[in-house]
Amino acid sequence: MEQPIRCGVDIAKLVFQIHGVNAKSGETSMVKKLARNEVLRYFANKPPMLIGIEACGGAHYWARELTKLGHTVKLMTLQYVAPYRRGGKNDANDAEAICEALARPNMRFVAVKSESQQAILVMHRIREQWVRELVSHY
């Protein structure tokens, strides 16, 4: 079996769904369901590949960790991934849609944020919430 060159990862609380496509034929070569604590070990044993993840707060952490292992990670917003989903919304279909969207030449990606950038964003959001609460009391 050929090594996948493109991989979509749907992250969740407990179980991550992975969908990989091989280099030559574009056919599915990897469908896995991994527990959260198995993900890094699994990808550490794989050759470098392009990995797509839907952008969220936790996705930035996983992108940083997978990049340390030598993979190229691209984050995409849900609105750009949703049109590529086949069937109902579930983890396996989401991983497949992420993998498919990753192959599109005009796809827009989200920059991976560092820990300090995420910490600053949290402070700004907390401040915005305090301001909204203060204004709503008057």
N, C-alpha and C. Protein backbone atom coordinates (compact mmCIF):
# COMPACT_ATOMS: atom_id res chain seq x y z
N MET A 1 0.85 -1.18 0.00
CA MET A 1 0.00 0.00 0.00
C MET A 1 0.89 1.24 0.00
N GLU A 2 0.54 2.21 -0.84
CA GLU A 2 1.32 3.43 -0.92
C GLU A 2 1.12 4.30 0.32
N GLN A 3 2.15 5.09 0.60
CA GLN A 3 2.05 6.02 1.71
C GLN A 3 1.15 7.19 1.31
N PRO A 4 0.28 7.64 2.19
CA PRO A 4 -0.58 8.77 1.87
C PRO A 4 0.24 10.06 1.77
N ILE A 5 -0.15 10.92 0.87
CA ILE A 5 0.53 12.21 0.78
C ILE A 5 -0.34 13.31 1.37
N ARG A 6 -1.64 13.03 1.49
CA ARG A 6 -2.58 14.04 1.99
C ARG A 6 -3.48 13.37 3.02
N CYS A 7 -3.68 14.05 4.12
CA CYS A 7 -4.41 13.43 5.22
C CYS A 7 -5.32 14.47 5.87
N GLY A 8 -6.58 14.10 6.08
CA GLY A 8 -7.52 14.95 6.81
C GLY A 8 -7.72 14.39 8.20
N VAL A 9 -7.67 15.25 9.20
CA VAL A 9 -7.83 14.82 10.59
C VAL A 9 -8.98 15.60 11.20
N ASP A 10 -9.98 14.88 11.70
CA ASP A 10 -11.09 15.49 12.42
C ASP A 10 -10.81 15.32 13.90
N ILE A 11 -10.56 16.43 14.60
CA ILE A 11 -10.24 16.33 16.02
C ILE A 11 -11.52 16.42 16.84
N ALA A 12 -11.55 15.69 17.93
CA ALA A 12 -12.70 15.67 18.81
C ALA A 12 -12.22 15.54 20.25
N LYS A 13 -13.15 15.40 21.18
CA LYS A 13 -12.76 15.32 22.58
C LYS A 13 -11.98 14.05 22.89
N LEU A 14 -12.47 12.91 22.44
CA LEU A 14 -11.85 11.64 22.81
C LEU A 14 -11.22 10.89 21.64
N VAL A 15 -11.87 10.92 20.49
CA VAL A 15 -11.43 10.11 19.35
C VAL A 15 -11.19 11.01 18.13
N PHE A 16 -10.06 10.81 17.47
CA PHE A 16 -9.72 11.54 16.25
C PHE A 16 -9.92 10.62 15.07
N GLN A 17 -10.54 11.12 14.02
CA GLN A 17 -10.75 10.34 12.81
C GLN A 17 -9.75 10.82 11.76
N ILE A 18 -9.08 9.89 11.09
CA ILE A 18 -8.06 10.21 10.10
C ILE A 18 -8.43 9.59 8.77
N HIS A 19 -8.29 10.39 7.71
CA HIS A 19 -8.57 9.92 6.35
C HIS A 19 -7.40 10.33 5.47
N GLY A 20 -6.70 9.35 4.88
CA GLY A 20 -5.54 9.62 4.04
C GLY A 20 -5.75 9.17 2.62
N VAL A 21 -5.13 9.87 1.68
CA VAL A 21 -5.22 9.57 0.26
C VAL A 21 -3.82 9.34 -0.27
N ASN A 22 -3.65 8.30 -1.13
CA ASN A 22 -2.31 7.97 -1.62
C ASN A 22 -1.87 8.88 -2.77
N ALA A 23 -0.58 8.77 -3.09
CA ALA A 23 0.06 9.70 -4.01
C ALA A 23 -0.38 9.54 -5.46
N LYS A 24 -0.39 8.35 -5.96
CA LYS A 24 -0.61 8.14 -7.39
C LYS A 24 -2.07 8.18 -7.81
N SER A 25 -2.89 7.39 -7.17
CA SER A 25 -4.25 7.22 -7.65
C SER A 25 -5.25 8.17 -7.02
N GLY A 26 -4.91 8.78 -5.90
CA GLY A 26 -5.87 9.64 -5.20
C GLY A 26 -6.93 8.85 -4.47
N GLU A 27 -6.72 7.54 -4.35
CA GLU A 27 -7.68 6.70 -3.64
C GLU A 27 -7.36 6.65 -2.15
N THR A 28 -8.37 6.34 -1.38
CA THR A 28 -8.21 6.25 0.07
C THR A 28 -7.22 5.15 0.42
N SER A 29 -6.23 5.50 1.22
CA SER A 29 -5.24 4.51 1.64
C SER A 29 -5.15 4.39 3.15
N MET A 30 -5.86 5.26 3.87
CA MET A 30 -5.76 5.23 5.32
C MET A 30 -7.06 5.77 5.92
N VAL A 31 -7.72 4.95 6.69
CA VAL A 31 -8.88 5.37 7.47
C VAL A 31 -8.65 4.82 8.87
N LYS A 32 -8.50 5.72 9.82
CA LYS A 32 -8.18 5.31 11.20
C LYS A 32 -9.00 6.10 12.18
N LYS A 33 -9.26 5.47 13.30
CA LYS A 33 -9.88 6.12 14.44
C LYS A 33 -8.90 5.95 15.59
N LEU A 34 -8.40 7.08 16.12
CA LEU A 34 -7.39 7.02 17.17
C LEU A 34 -7.84 7.76 18.41
N ALA A 35 -7.47 7.22 19.56
CA ALA A 35 -7.69 7.93 20.81
C ALA A 35 -6.75 9.12 20.86
N ARG A 36 -7.12 10.13 21.58
CA ARG A 36 -6.33 11.36 21.68
C ARG A 36 -4.86 11.09 22.03
N ASN A 37 -4.62 10.17 22.95
CA ASN A 37 -3.25 9.90 23.39
C ASN A 37 -2.44 9.06 22.40
N GLU A 38 -3.05 8.59 21.33
CA GLU A 38 -2.35 7.77 20.33
C GLU A 38 -1.93 8.57 19.09
N VAL A 39 -2.45 9.78 18.94
CA VAL A 39 -2.29 10.53 17.70
C VAL A 39 -0.83 10.87 17.41
N LEU A 40 -0.12 11.44 18.36
CA LEU A 40 1.26 11.84 18.11
C LEU A 40 2.16 10.63 17.86
N ARG A 41 1.94 9.56 18.58
CA ARG A 41 2.73 8.34 18.38
C ARG A 41 2.48 7.78 16.97
N TYR A 42 1.25 7.82 16.52
CA TYR A 42 0.90 7.33 15.20
C TYR A 42 1.61 8.14 14.11
N PHE A 43 1.51 9.46 14.19
CA PHE A 43 2.11 10.31 13.16
C PHE A 43 3.63 10.37 13.26
N ALA A 44 4.19 10.07 14.42
CA ALA A 44 5.65 10.04 14.56
C ALA A 44 6.25 8.93 13.72
N ASN A 45 5.48 7.87 13.48
CA ASN A 45 5.96 6.73 12.70
C ASN A 45 5.61 6.81 11.21
N LYS A 46 5.13 7.95 10.77
CA LYS A 46 4.74 8.14 9.37
C LYS A 46 5.72 9.09 8.68
N PRO A 47 5.95 8.88 7.38
CA PRO A 47 6.79 9.83 6.65
C PRO A 47 6.09 11.18 6.56
N PRO A 48 6.83 12.25 6.34
CA PRO A 48 6.21 13.58 6.26
C PRO A 48 5.08 13.63 5.22
N MET A 49 3.99 14.22 5.61
CA MET A 49 2.83 14.34 4.72
C MET A 49 2.13 15.66 4.97
N LEU A 50 1.20 15.98 4.10
CA LEU A 50 0.38 17.17 4.23
C LEU A 50 -0.86 16.79 5.02
N ILE A 51 -1.10 17.49 6.12
CA ILE A 51 -2.21 17.18 7.02
C ILE A 51 -3.12 18.40 7.10
N GLY A 52 -4.42 18.18 6.96
CA GLY A 52 -5.41 19.24 7.08
C GLY A 52 -6.25 19.03 8.32
N ILE A 53 -6.56 20.13 9.01
CA ILE A 53 -7.38 20.11 10.22
C ILE A 53 -8.32 21.31 10.17
N GLU A 54 -9.57 21.13 10.63
CA GLU A 54 -10.47 22.28 10.75
C GLU A 54 -9.95 23.19 11.85
N ALA A 55 -9.95 24.49 11.57
CA ALA A 55 -9.40 25.47 12.51
C ALA A 55 -10.31 25.64 13.73
N CYS A 56 -9.71 25.55 14.90
CA CYS A 56 -10.36 25.84 16.18
C CYS A 56 -9.23 26.05 17.19
N GLY A 57 -9.55 26.37 18.42
CA GLY A 57 -8.51 26.60 19.41
C GLY A 57 -7.57 25.42 19.58
N GLY A 58 -8.11 24.21 19.65
CA GLY A 58 -7.29 23.02 19.82
C GLY A 58 -6.50 22.64 18.59
N ALA A 59 -6.97 23.04 17.42
CA ALA A 59 -6.29 22.70 16.16
C ALA A 59 -4.90 23.33 16.10
N HIS A 60 -4.75 24.50 16.69
CA HIS A 60 -3.45 25.17 16.67
C HIS A 60 -2.42 24.35 17.46
N TYR A 61 -2.84 23.80 18.60
CA TYR A 61 -1.94 22.94 19.38
C TYR A 61 -1.51 21.73 18.55
N TRP A 62 -2.49 21.05 17.94
CA TRP A 62 -2.17 19.85 17.17
C TRP A 62 -1.31 20.19 15.96
N ALA A 63 -1.55 21.33 15.34
CA ALA A 63 -0.73 21.74 14.20
C ALA A 63 0.72 21.96 14.63
N ARG A 64 0.92 22.60 15.77
CA ARG A 64 2.29 22.81 16.26
C ARG A 64 2.98 21.48 16.55
N GLU A 65 2.26 20.56 17.19
CA GLU A 65 2.85 19.27 17.55
C GLU A 65 3.16 18.42 16.31
N LEU A 66 2.26 18.40 15.35
CA LEU A 66 2.49 17.61 14.14
C LEU A 66 3.59 18.23 13.27
N THR A 67 3.72 19.54 13.30
CA THR A 67 4.80 20.20 12.57
C THR A 67 6.16 19.82 13.17
N LYS A 68 6.22 19.69 14.49
CA LYS A 68 7.46 19.26 15.15
C LYS A 68 7.89 17.87 14.68
N LEU A 69 6.92 17.06 14.25
CA LEU A 69 7.22 15.71 13.77
C LEU A 69 7.62 15.69 12.29
N GLY A 70 7.64 16.87 11.65
CA GLY A 70 8.08 16.96 10.26
C GLY A 70 6.97 17.02 9.24
N HIS A 71 5.73 17.04 9.68
CA HIS A 71 4.60 17.11 8.75
C HIS A 71 4.29 18.57 8.42
N THR A 72 3.61 18.78 7.30
CA THR A 72 3.10 20.10 6.93
C THR A 72 1.63 20.13 7.29
N VAL A 73 1.24 21.08 8.12
CA VAL A 73 -0.14 21.13 8.59
C VAL A 73 -0.80 22.42 8.10
N LYS A 74 -2.01 22.27 7.56
CA LYS A 74 -2.81 23.39 7.09
C LYS A 74 -4.13 23.39 7.84
N LEU A 75 -4.53 24.56 8.34
CA LEU A 75 -5.81 24.70 9.03
C LEU A 75 -6.81 25.38 8.11
N MET A 76 -8.05 24.90 8.12
CA MET A 76 -9.11 25.45 7.28
C MET A 76 -10.34 25.73 8.13
N THR A 77 -11.07 26.77 7.77
CA THR A 77 -12.30 27.05 8.50
C THR A 77 -13.41 26.09 8.05
N LEU A 78 -14.35 25.86 8.93
CA LEU A 78 -15.45 24.94 8.68
C LEU A 78 -16.23 25.31 7.43
N GLN A 79 -16.44 26.60 7.21
CA GLN A 79 -17.26 27.02 6.07
C GLN A 79 -16.64 26.64 4.73
N TYR A 80 -15.31 26.47 4.67
CA TYR A 80 -14.66 26.06 3.43
C TYR A 80 -14.60 24.54 3.28
N VAL A 81 -14.73 23.83 4.38
CA VAL A 81 -14.67 22.37 4.35
C VAL A 81 -16.05 21.77 4.09
N ALA A 82 -17.08 22.38 4.64
CA ALA A 82 -18.44 21.83 4.58
C ALA A 82 -18.92 21.45 3.18
N PRO A 83 -18.62 22.22 2.13
CA PRO A 83 -19.12 21.83 0.80
C PRO A 83 -18.56 20.51 0.28
N TYR A 84 -17.46 20.03 0.85
CA TYR A 84 -16.84 18.79 0.38
C TYR A 84 -17.31 17.56 1.16
N ARG A 85 -18.17 17.75 2.15
CA ARG A 85 -18.65 16.63 2.95
C ARG A 85 -19.70 15.86 2.18
N ARG A 86 -19.51 14.54 2.14
CA ARG A 86 -20.50 13.65 1.52
C ARG A 86 -21.27 12.96 2.62
N GLY A 87 -22.55 12.92 2.50
CA GLY A 87 -23.36 12.25 3.51
C GLY A 87 -23.57 13.14 4.72
N GLY A 88 -24.01 12.53 5.82
CA GLY A 88 -24.30 13.25 7.05
C GLY A 88 -23.05 13.73 7.75
N LYS A 89 -23.26 14.54 8.75
CA LYS A 89 -22.14 15.08 9.52
C LYS A 89 -21.74 14.07 10.59
N ASN A 90 -20.59 13.46 10.40
CA ASN A 90 -19.99 12.62 11.42
C ASN A 90 -18.48 12.73 11.28
N ASP A 91 -17.73 12.18 12.23
CA ASP A 91 -16.29 12.35 12.25
C ASP A 91 -15.61 11.80 11.00
N ALA A 92 -16.03 10.62 10.54
CA ALA A 92 -15.41 10.02 9.36
C ALA A 92 -15.64 10.87 8.11
N ASN A 93 -16.88 11.34 7.92
CA ASN A 93 -17.19 12.18 6.77
C ASN A 93 -16.47 13.53 6.85
N ASP A 94 -16.33 14.05 8.06
CA ASP A 94 -15.61 15.31 8.23
C ASP A 94 -14.13 15.15 7.86
N ALA A 95 -13.50 14.06 8.29
CA ALA A 95 -12.09 13.81 7.97
C ALA A 95 -11.90 13.67 6.46
N GLU A 96 -12.82 12.99 5.82
CA GLU A 96 -12.75 12.83 4.36
C GLU A 96 -12.92 14.18 3.67
N ALA A 97 -13.85 15.00 4.15
CA ALA A 97 -14.07 16.32 3.56
C ALA A 97 -12.85 17.22 3.75
N ILE A 98 -12.22 17.14 4.90
CA ILE A 98 -11.01 17.93 5.16
C ILE A 98 -9.91 17.52 4.18
N CYS A 99 -9.76 16.22 3.99
CA CYS A 99 -8.75 15.70 3.06
C CYS A 99 -9.03 16.18 1.64
N GLU A 100 -10.29 16.15 1.24
CA GLU A 100 -10.68 16.59 -0.10
C GLU A 100 -10.45 18.10 -0.26
N ALA A 101 -10.85 18.88 0.72
CA ALA A 101 -10.69 20.34 0.65
C ALA A 101 -9.21 20.72 0.59
N LEU A 102 -8.38 19.94 1.24
CA LEU A 102 -6.94 20.19 1.27
C LEU A 102 -6.32 20.15 -0.12
N ALA A 103 -6.91 19.39 -1.02
CA ALA A 103 -6.38 19.22 -2.37
C ALA A 103 -6.78 20.35 -3.31
N ARG A 104 -7.71 21.17 -2.92
CA ARG A 104 -8.20 22.23 -3.80
C ARG A 104 -7.17 23.35 -3.92
N PRO A 105 -6.88 23.76 -5.17
CA PRO A 105 -5.82 24.76 -5.38
C PRO A 105 -6.14 26.15 -4.83
N ASN A 106 -7.42 26.50 -4.76
CA ASN A 106 -7.79 27.84 -4.30
C ASN A 106 -8.25 27.87 -2.85
N MET A 107 -7.98 26.82 -2.10
CA MET A 107 -8.40 26.76 -0.71
C MET A 107 -7.67 27.83 0.10
N ARG A 108 -8.39 28.45 1.02
CA ARG A 108 -7.79 29.44 1.93
C ARG A 108 -7.48 28.76 3.25
N PHE A 109 -6.33 29.08 3.79
CA PHE A 109 -5.90 28.45 5.03
C PHE A 109 -5.74 29.48 6.14
N VAL A 110 -5.83 29.00 7.37
CA VAL A 110 -5.67 29.82 8.56
C VAL A 110 -4.24 29.64 9.05
N ALA A 111 -3.58 30.73 9.42
CA ALA A 111 -2.22 30.64 9.94
C ALA A 111 -2.23 29.95 11.30
N VAL A 112 -1.24 29.11 11.54
CA VAL A 112 -1.12 28.42 12.84
C VAL A 112 -0.60 29.42 13.86
N LYS A 113 -1.29 29.54 14.97
CA LYS A 113 -0.91 30.50 16.01
C LYS A 113 0.00 29.83 17.05
N SER A 114 0.93 30.62 17.56
CA SER A 114 1.80 30.14 18.63
C SER A 114 1.03 30.19 19.95
N GLU A 115 1.61 29.61 20.99
CA GLU A 115 0.95 29.64 22.30
C GLU A 115 0.76 31.07 22.79
N SER A 116 1.78 31.91 22.58
CA SER A 116 1.68 33.30 23.06
C SER A 116 0.61 34.06 22.28
N GLN A 117 0.48 33.81 20.98
CA GLN A 117 -0.58 34.47 20.21
C GLN A 117 -1.95 34.05 20.70
N GLN A 118 -2.11 32.77 21.02
CA GLN A 118 -3.40 32.31 21.54
C GLN A 118 -3.69 32.90 22.91
N ALA A 119 -2.67 33.04 23.74
CA ALA A 119 -2.85 33.63 25.07
C ALA A 119 -3.30 35.09 24.96
N ILE A 120 -2.71 35.83 24.03
CA ILE A 120 -3.10 37.23 23.82
C ILE A 120 -4.54 37.30 23.35
N LEU A 121 -4.94 36.42 22.44
CA LEU A 121 -6.33 36.40 21.96
C LEU A 121 -7.31 36.12 23.09
N VAL A 122 -6.93 35.23 24.00
CA VAL A 122 -7.80 34.93 25.14
C VAL A 122 -7.99 36.18 26.00
N MET A 123 -6.90 36.91 26.25
CA MET A 123 -7.00 38.14 27.05
C MET A 123 -7.91 39.16 26.37
N HIS A 124 -7.79 39.30 25.05
CA HIS A 124 -8.65 40.24 24.32
C HIS A 124 -10.11 39.82 24.40
N ARG A 125 -10.38 38.53 24.27
CA ARG A 125 -11.77 38.06 24.34
C ARG A 125 -12.36 38.26 25.73
N ILE A 126 -11.58 38.04 26.75
CA ILE A 126 -12.06 38.26 28.12
C ILE A 126 -12.37 39.73 28.33
N ARG A 127 -11.48 40.60 27.84
CA ARG A 127 -11.70 42.04 27.97
C ARG A 127 -12.98 42.44 27.23
N GLU A 128 -13.19 41.92 26.02
CA GLU A 128 -14.40 42.23 25.26
C GLU A 128 -15.65 41.80 26.01
N GLN A 129 -15.57 40.64 26.66
CA GLN A 129 -16.71 40.15 27.43
C GLN A 129 -17.00 41.07 28.61
N TRP A 130 -15.96 41.51 29.31
CA TRP A 130 -16.15 42.43 30.44
C TRP A 130 -16.78 43.74 29.97
N VAL A 131 -16.32 44.24 28.83
CA VAL A 131 -16.86 45.49 28.30
C VAL A 131 -18.34 45.30 27.96
N ARG A 132 -18.69 44.18 27.33
CA ARG A 132 -20.11 43.91 27.00
C ARG A 132 -20.96 43.84 28.27
N GLU A 133 -20.44 43.18 29.30
CA GLU A 133 -21.19 43.08 30.56
C GLU A 133 -21.35 44.45 31.22
N LEU A 134 -20.32 45.26 31.17
CA LEU A 134 -20.37 46.60 31.75
C LEU A 134 -21.39 47.45 31.03
N VAL A 135 -21.39 47.40 29.69
CA VAL A 135 -22.32 48.20 28.90
C VAL A 135 -23.75 47.71 29.11
N SER A 136 -23.95 46.43 29.26
CA SER A 136 -25.32 45.91 29.42
C SER A 136 -25.91 46.29 30.78
N HIS A 137 -25.09 46.68 31.74
CA HIS A 137 -25.61 47.08 33.06
C HIS A 137 -26.09 48.52 33.07
N TYR A 138 -25.79 49.28 32.02
CA TYR A 138 -26.20 50.68 31.97
C TYR A 138 -27.31 50.92 31.02
